[in-house]
Protein backbone atom coordinates (compact mmCIF):
# COMPACT_ATOMS: atom_id res chain seq x y z
CA MET A 1 202.33 -132.65 261.84
CA THR A 2 205.51 -130.82 262.78
CA THR A 3 208.67 -132.70 261.88
CA HIS A 4 211.06 -133.30 264.75
CA ALA A 5 213.82 -131.59 262.76
CA THR A 6 212.20 -128.17 263.11
CA SER A 7 209.97 -128.63 266.14
CA ASN A 8 211.76 -125.97 268.20
CA LEU A 9 210.60 -123.32 265.73
CA PHE A 10 207.03 -123.92 266.87
CA GLU A 11 207.61 -123.41 270.57
CA SER A 12 206.05 -120.30 272.05
CA TYR A 13 208.56 -117.67 273.15
CA LYS A 14 208.10 -115.12 275.91
CA LEU A 15 209.70 -111.86 274.85
CA ASN A 16 208.75 -110.23 278.15
CA ASP A 17 205.80 -109.82 280.50
CA ALA A 18 203.84 -107.96 277.81
CA ILE A 19 204.40 -110.13 274.74
CA THR A 20 204.55 -113.88 274.15
CA LEU A 21 205.02 -115.11 270.60
CA ASN A 22 203.14 -118.15 269.28
CA ASN A 23 206.31 -119.47 267.62
CA ARG A 24 209.93 -118.50 266.96
CA ILE A 25 209.48 -117.63 263.28
CA LEU A 26 209.44 -113.91 262.49
CA MET A 27 208.59 -112.33 259.17
CA ALA A 28 211.58 -110.13 258.38
CA PRO A 29 211.10 -106.54 257.20
CA LEU A 30 210.80 -106.59 253.40
CA THR A 31 210.70 -103.32 251.47
CA ARG A 32 207.97 -103.61 248.83
CA CYS A 33 207.41 -99.99 247.66
CA MET A 34 203.64 -100.50 247.41
CA ALA A 35 202.18 -97.68 249.53
CA ASP A 36 200.08 -95.05 247.79
CA ALA A 37 201.23 -91.60 246.68
CA GLU A 38 200.73 -90.24 250.21
CA LEU A 39 202.73 -93.16 251.65
CA VAL A 40 199.56 -94.65 253.15
CA PRO A 41 199.26 -98.45 253.38
CA THR A 42 196.82 -99.83 250.82
CA GLU A 43 194.15 -102.51 250.99
CA ASP A 44 196.55 -104.81 249.15
CA MET A 45 199.03 -104.31 251.99
CA VAL A 46 196.32 -105.12 254.53
CA ALA A 47 195.66 -108.45 252.82
CA TYR A 48 199.39 -109.13 252.31
CA TYR A 49 200.22 -108.86 256.01
CA ALA A 50 197.04 -110.65 257.15
CA ARG A 51 197.97 -113.68 255.02
CA ARG A 52 201.23 -113.93 256.98
CA ALA A 53 199.74 -113.55 260.47
CA GLU A 54 200.74 -117.07 261.49
CA ALA A 55 204.31 -115.80 261.97
CA GLY A 56 205.22 -115.50 265.63
CA LEU A 57 205.86 -111.82 264.91
CA ILE A 58 205.62 -109.77 261.73
CA ILE A 59 208.12 -106.94 261.41
CA THR A 60 206.78 -104.63 258.75
CA GLU A 61 208.64 -103.20 255.84
CA ALA A 62 210.76 -100.21 256.86
CA THR A 63 208.47 -97.25 257.52
CA ILE A 64 209.70 -93.68 257.46
CA ILE A 65 209.37 -91.49 260.53
CA ARG A 66 209.19 -88.15 258.68
CA PRO A 67 209.31 -86.86 255.08
CA ASP A 68 213.07 -86.32 254.80
CA GLY A 69 213.66 -89.94 255.76
CA GLN A 70 212.49 -91.24 252.39
CA GLY A 71 214.96 -92.80 249.97
CA TYR A 72 212.82 -95.17 247.90
CA PRO A 73 209.52 -94.72 246.05
CA ASN A 74 206.21 -95.52 247.73
CA THR A 75 207.63 -96.64 251.06
CA PRO A 76 205.01 -96.19 253.79
CA GLY A 77 205.23 -93.57 256.49
CA ILE A 78 203.90 -93.26 260.00
CA PHE A 79 203.90 -89.49 260.48
CA THR A 80 200.43 -88.46 259.23
CA GLN A 81 196.98 -89.32 260.49
CA ALA A 82 196.14 -90.93 257.14
CA GLN A 83 199.17 -93.18 257.43
CA ILE A 84 198.29 -94.10 261.01
CA ALA A 85 194.75 -94.94 259.90
CA GLY A 86 196.07 -97.05 257.02
CA TRP A 87 198.34 -99.00 259.32
CA ARG A 88 195.44 -99.48 261.75
CA LYS A 89 193.70 -101.52 259.07
CA VAL A 90 196.81 -103.70 258.78
CA THR A 91 197.19 -104.27 262.52
CA ASP A 92 193.49 -105.01 262.96
CA ALA A 93 193.64 -107.61 260.19
CA VAL A 94 196.75 -109.27 261.64
CA HIS A 95 195.32 -109.30 265.17
CA ALA A 96 192.03 -110.74 263.90
CA LYS A 97 194.02 -113.77 262.79
CA GLY A 98 195.83 -114.09 266.11
CA GLY A 99 199.11 -112.53 264.94
CA LYS A 100 201.45 -109.94 266.39
CA ILE A 101 203.09 -107.13 264.47
CA PHE A 102 205.84 -104.54 265.04
CA VAL A 103 206.51 -101.64 262.68
CA GLN A 104 210.10 -100.96 261.66
CA LEU A 105 210.91 -97.26 262.18
CA TRP A 106 213.19 -95.87 259.49
CA HIS A 107 215.13 -92.83 258.43
CA THR A 108 217.35 -93.57 255.44
CA GLY A 109 219.91 -90.86 256.26
CA ARG A 110 222.34 -90.27 253.40
CA VAL A 111 220.38 -92.70 251.23
CA ALA A 112 217.45 -90.25 251.25
CA HIS A 113 216.76 -88.13 248.17
CA PRO A 114 215.25 -84.61 248.01
CA HIS A 115 213.03 -85.73 245.13
CA PHE A 116 210.77 -87.45 247.61
CA PHE A 117 210.26 -84.56 250.01
CA GLY A 118 210.18 -81.51 247.76
CA GLY A 119 213.82 -80.47 248.12
CA GLY A 120 215.98 -79.59 251.07
CA ASP A 121 218.84 -81.18 252.93
CA VAL A 122 219.65 -84.85 253.18
CA LEU A 123 220.81 -85.45 256.76
CA ALA A 124 223.64 -87.71 257.83
CA PRO A 125 226.37 -87.74 260.48
CA SER A 126 228.91 -86.31 258.02
CA ALA A 127 229.14 -85.02 254.45
CA GLN A 128 230.11 -88.46 253.13
CA LYS A 129 228.24 -89.11 249.90
CA ILE A 130 227.53 -92.60 248.65
CA GLU A 131 227.88 -93.38 244.98
CA GLY A 132 225.05 -94.64 242.84
CA SER A 133 221.40 -93.96 242.28
CA VAL A 134 218.02 -94.69 243.86
CA PRO A 135 216.78 -98.24 243.25
CA ARG A 136 213.76 -98.31 240.92
CA MET A 137 214.49 -94.66 239.99
CA ARG A 138 217.96 -94.81 238.47
CA GLU A 139 217.69 -91.25 237.15
CA LEU A 140 218.04 -90.00 240.74
CA THR A 141 221.67 -90.00 241.84
CA TYR A 142 222.62 -89.61 245.48
CA VAL A 143 223.58 -86.20 246.84
CA THR A 144 226.16 -85.07 249.35
CA PRO A 145 224.42 -85.01 252.73
CA LYS A 146 224.47 -82.20 255.25
CA PRO A 147 226.07 -83.10 258.59
CA ALA A 148 223.25 -83.05 261.12
CA THR A 149 223.53 -80.21 263.60
CA LEU A 150 222.93 -80.75 267.30
CA GLU A 151 219.50 -79.19 266.79
CA ASP A 152 218.83 -81.56 263.87
CA ILE A 153 219.80 -84.53 266.04
CA GLN A 154 217.48 -83.45 268.84
CA GLY A 155 214.65 -83.15 266.33
CA LEU A 156 215.36 -86.60 264.92
CA VAL A 157 215.28 -88.15 268.37
CA ARG A 158 211.94 -86.49 269.05
CA ASP A 159 210.57 -87.71 265.73
CA TYR A 160 211.58 -91.31 266.38
CA ALA A 161 209.72 -91.14 269.69
CA LYS A 162 206.68 -89.56 268.03
CA ALA A 163 206.67 -92.26 265.35
CA ALA A 164 206.71 -94.90 268.10
CA GLU A 165 203.75 -93.18 269.74
CA ASN A 166 201.98 -93.12 266.36
CA ALA A 167 202.69 -96.85 266.00
CA ILE A 168 200.88 -97.65 269.22
CA GLU A 169 197.98 -95.44 268.09
CA ALA A 170 197.95 -97.49 264.88
CA GLY A 171 197.57 -100.69 266.90
CA PHE A 172 201.06 -102.12 266.60
CA ASP A 173 202.31 -104.42 269.35
CA GLY A 174 205.60 -102.57 269.28
CA VAL A 175 208.35 -101.12 267.09
CA GLU A 176 211.70 -102.18 265.74
CA ILE A 177 214.09 -99.25 265.43
CA HIS A 178 216.03 -99.65 262.19
CA GLY A 179 219.62 -99.12 263.26
CA ALA A 180 221.18 -101.24 260.50
CA ASN A 181 222.10 -101.54 256.83
CA GLY A 182 223.80 -98.18 256.32
CA TYR A 183 220.80 -95.99 257.11
CA LEU A 184 220.78 -93.02 259.49
CA ILE A 185 221.37 -94.64 262.88
CA ASP A 186 223.83 -97.15 261.46
CA ALA A 187 225.77 -94.34 259.77
CA PHE A 188 226.56 -92.87 263.19
CA LEU A 189 227.98 -96.25 264.28
CA HIS A 190 230.64 -96.68 261.57
CA HIS A 191 233.80 -94.70 260.91
CA ASP A 192 233.34 -94.68 257.13
CA SER A 193 230.19 -92.58 257.45
CA ASN A 194 230.81 -90.79 260.76
CA ARG A 195 233.72 -88.33 260.58
CA ARG A 196 232.43 -86.06 263.33
CA THR A 197 234.62 -84.54 266.03
CA ASP A 198 231.86 -83.41 268.40
CA GLU A 199 229.98 -85.44 271.02
CA TYR A 200 228.51 -87.67 268.29
CA GLY A 201 231.80 -88.80 266.77
CA GLY A 202 235.37 -89.91 267.31
CA THR A 203 235.02 -92.28 270.28
CA PRO A 204 232.88 -95.40 270.74
CA ALA A 205 230.71 -93.69 273.35
CA ASN A 206 230.20 -90.64 271.15
CA MET A 207 229.43 -92.66 268.03
CA ALA A 208 226.91 -94.77 269.95
CA ARG A 209 225.25 -91.73 271.52
CA PHE A 210 222.62 -91.10 268.84
CA ALA A 211 221.51 -94.75 268.73
CA LEU A 212 221.15 -94.83 272.50
CA GLU A 213 219.29 -91.52 272.58
CA VAL A 214 216.79 -92.85 270.04
CA VAL A 215 216.32 -96.09 272.00
CA ASP A 216 215.89 -94.18 275.26
CA ALA A 217 213.38 -91.77 273.73
CA VAL A 218 211.32 -94.60 272.23
CA VAL A 219 211.41 -96.60 275.46
CA ALA A 220 210.33 -93.52 277.41
CA ARG A 221 207.37 -93.11 275.05
CA ILE A 222 206.10 -96.69 274.60
CA GLY A 223 208.04 -98.89 277.06
CA LYS A 224 211.01 -101.23 276.76
CA ASP A 225 208.81 -104.30 276.28
CA ARG A 226 207.54 -102.88 272.99
CA THR A 227 210.90 -101.72 271.65
CA GLY A 228 213.26 -103.75 269.45
CA LEU A 229 216.42 -102.70 267.62
CA ARG A 230 218.10 -103.86 264.43
CA LEU A 231 221.89 -103.52 264.22
CA SER A 232 224.63 -104.22 261.65
CA PRO A 233 227.99 -104.47 263.43
CA GLY A 234 229.61 -105.60 260.19
CA ALA A 235 229.72 -102.80 257.59
CA TYR A 236 228.68 -104.31 254.26
CA PHE A 237 225.85 -102.28 252.68
CA ASN A 238 226.40 -98.72 251.38
CA MET A 239 229.42 -98.56 253.67
CA ALA A 240 233.10 -99.50 253.79
CA ALA A 241 234.43 -101.64 256.60
CA ASP A 242 236.73 -100.19 259.24
CA SER A 243 238.35 -102.27 261.97
CA ARG A 244 237.71 -99.47 264.46
CA ASP A 245 233.96 -100.14 264.17
CA ARG A 246 234.24 -103.10 266.49
CA ALA A 247 235.01 -100.89 269.48
CA VAL A 248 231.81 -98.95 268.83
CA PHE A 249 229.71 -102.11 269.04
CA ASP A 250 231.76 -103.45 271.95
CA TYR A 251 230.52 -100.34 273.77
CA LEU A 252 226.99 -100.23 272.34
CA LEU A 253 225.82 -103.80 272.89
CA PRO A 254 226.27 -103.88 276.70
CA GLU A 255 224.53 -100.50 276.86
CA ILE A 256 221.57 -101.91 274.92
CA GLU A 257 221.52 -104.96 277.17
CA LYS A 258 221.17 -102.71 280.24
CA ARG A 259 218.01 -101.26 278.71
CA ASP A 260 216.33 -104.70 278.60
CA ILE A 261 214.44 -104.07 275.36
CA ALA A 262 212.34 -106.71 273.59
CA PHE A 263 215.07 -107.94 271.23
CA VAL A 264 218.08 -107.15 269.10
CA HIS A 265 217.80 -108.20 265.46
CA ILE A 266 220.87 -108.73 263.26
CA GLY A 267 220.89 -106.67 260.06
CA ILE A 268 222.56 -108.90 257.48
CA PHE A 269 221.52 -110.26 254.08
CA ASP A 270 223.54 -113.47 254.42
CA ASP A 271 224.73 -114.61 257.84
CA SER A 272 227.44 -116.79 256.32
CA MET A 273 229.40 -113.57 255.69
CA GLU A 274 232.40 -113.20 257.97
CA PHE A 275 234.07 -110.00 259.15
CA ASP A 276 237.69 -110.21 260.22
CA TYR A 277 237.38 -107.42 262.77
CA LEU A 278 234.38 -109.16 264.37
CA GLY A 279 236.13 -112.51 264.45
CA GLY A 280 233.60 -114.18 262.16
CA ARG A 281 229.85 -113.89 261.63
CA ALA A 282 227.93 -110.84 262.80
CA SER A 283 225.45 -113.05 264.67
CA SER A 284 228.22 -114.87 266.54
CA TYR A 285 229.81 -111.58 267.51
CA VAL A 286 226.52 -110.14 268.83
CA ARG A 287 225.69 -113.35 270.70
CA ALA A 288 229.04 -113.12 272.49
CA HIS A 289 228.42 -109.50 273.54
CA TYR A 290 224.67 -109.44 274.14
CA GLY A 291 222.93 -111.80 276.54
CA LYS A 292 219.24 -111.13 275.89
CA THR A 293 216.84 -112.10 273.10
CA LEU A 294 218.59 -112.17 269.73
CA VAL A 295 216.93 -112.52 266.32
CA GLY A 296 218.98 -114.20 263.61
CA VAL A 297 218.46 -113.60 259.90
CA GLY A 298 220.19 -114.01 256.58
CA SER A 299 219.59 -116.87 254.14
CA TYR A 300 218.56 -119.46 256.74
CA SER A 301 216.27 -122.32 255.85
CA ALA A 302 213.85 -123.64 258.45
CA GLN A 303 216.22 -126.55 259.00
CA SER A 304 219.39 -124.47 259.41
CA ALA A 305 217.55 -121.95 261.60
CA SER A 306 216.24 -124.73 263.83
CA GLU A 307 219.76 -126.09 264.18
CA ALA A 308 221.15 -122.64 265.00
CA ILE A 309 218.50 -122.07 267.67
CA ALA A 310 219.20 -125.50 269.13
CA ALA A 311 222.89 -124.56 269.26
CA ASP A 312 221.98 -121.31 271.09
CA LYS A 313 223.33 -119.11 268.29
CA PHE A 314 220.19 -116.98 268.55
CA ASP A 315 216.67 -117.28 269.98
CA LEU A 316 214.36 -116.38 267.10
CA ILE A 317 214.68 -116.51 263.32
CA ALA A 318 213.50 -113.85 260.87
CA ILE A 319 212.63 -115.19 257.42
CA GLY A 320 212.64 -112.84 254.44
CA ARG A 321 212.23 -113.77 250.79
CA PRO A 322 210.63 -117.16 251.45
CA PHE A 323 207.78 -115.24 253.10
CA ILE A 324 207.26 -113.29 249.85
CA ALA A 325 206.96 -116.54 247.92
CA ASN A 326 204.99 -118.39 250.61
CA PRO A 327 202.32 -116.42 252.50
CA ASP A 328 201.67 -119.70 254.35
CA TYR A 329 205.36 -120.23 255.14
CA VAL A 330 204.75 -121.22 258.75
CA ALA A 331 202.13 -123.81 257.84
CA ARG A 332 204.32 -125.26 255.09
CA VAL A 333 207.26 -125.67 257.43
CA ARG A 334 205.06 -127.16 260.14
CA THR A 335 203.74 -129.83 257.78
CA ASN A 336 207.05 -130.28 255.93
CA GLU A 337 205.45 -129.17 252.68
CA GLU A 338 207.69 -128.05 249.84
CA LEU A 339 208.21 -124.28 249.61
CA VAL A 340 207.55 -122.22 246.51
CA PRO A 341 210.95 -120.86 245.41
CA TYR A 342 211.41 -117.10 245.50
CA SER A 343 212.03 -115.17 242.29
CA ASP A 344 212.47 -111.45 241.68
CA GLU A 345 209.36 -111.38 239.49
CA MET A 346 207.37 -111.78 242.70
CA LEU A 347 208.28 -108.22 243.67
CA ALA A 348 205.90 -106.80 241.05
CA THR A 349 202.76 -107.58 243.06
CA LEU A 350 201.66 -108.14 246.64
CA VAL A 351 200.39 -111.69 247.03
C-alpha cells in the first residue's frame, strides 16, 4: 500500500498528447560504461533496464551521437545499425513490462578524448582545455580542444537530429538532449568555456544559439512531444562559474518554453547547492523562468521529492543512485519498504 506521505509520486502524469507516464518517478541517466567494444548495448544492459521498467520514465545513460563525442570507455552509441539494434532489444524489454524509455543524446565536447575515436580533433566552442584525466583511464589526460567551425556546428546539429531519428528506429519513446554538466551543448552556454566572438558567442542570444538549433533540429525530426532537454544553469562540473551566465539562461529558458517540448530536466548532482548569481538553487531558478514540465533531481529521497512536488517546486523527480542499488525502487517506495543503500562497489556490475 502506498503511504500517504509519498502518494503524489504514484499519480499518472500527462507529458503531452503522445505520452502519459504511469507515475512521477523517473530513472535518471546513469553512466555505467558497460557497452561492448563497438559501443553496442549488451544483454546485461537489456536486463538492467527491464528490471527498472516500473519507473514512470527511464532516461538511459548518456549515449553518444557520433564517434568524436566519446569521452569515457564503453559508453553506448546510437550512430551505427548495430547500436540501434542493440538498443531495440532494450526498448522492447522495457515496453514488454509496461515501461517508457527515452535515450539521452550526448556529445562530451571538450571532455572527449582522441583515444576513443582513432585520433583527430576534440571539438568545443573555444580552445579552453580542462585539467585532469579521463575517469577510469587516468593515463589519458585531456587535450586542448579545437574551436568548432561554422561547418562543424552545422554537422553537429545534423548529427543530433540523425541520432534522434535513430532513437525512434530503436523503439525509444523519445530523447533527452544532454545540454548539461559541462558537455558540448552546455559549454556553449557558459562564459568560462565559450570565448567566441562570432554568432555563437558573446551575447546571450548568440551563446544560446547552438542549443536552440539542436532542439529545433531534433523537434523537426521526431516531434516536440518526444523531445526533452537537460540543462545546468549553475556552472559546477568541469566549469568555472561566471555571473554573466545567468543572462544566457534568462534568454534561453523562455525560448525553450515557446517550443513546448516534453520537459526540461535539471542537471545537478545535489540540488541543495546554491548559486549566488541564480539567487539560490538551480531548480528554483528554472522554475521561476520556465512554466512547463520540470524534472527535479539531485540527492532527493522519495519523501523530500514528494514534498517538493507538493510545493510545486517541480513536476517530476529523477532518481539516480538509489535506482542502481534498488532495481525495484518504485515498488519499495510504494510499499514503504527499506531501500538498499548505494555504494560505489555496485558500479562494478549491472544488477
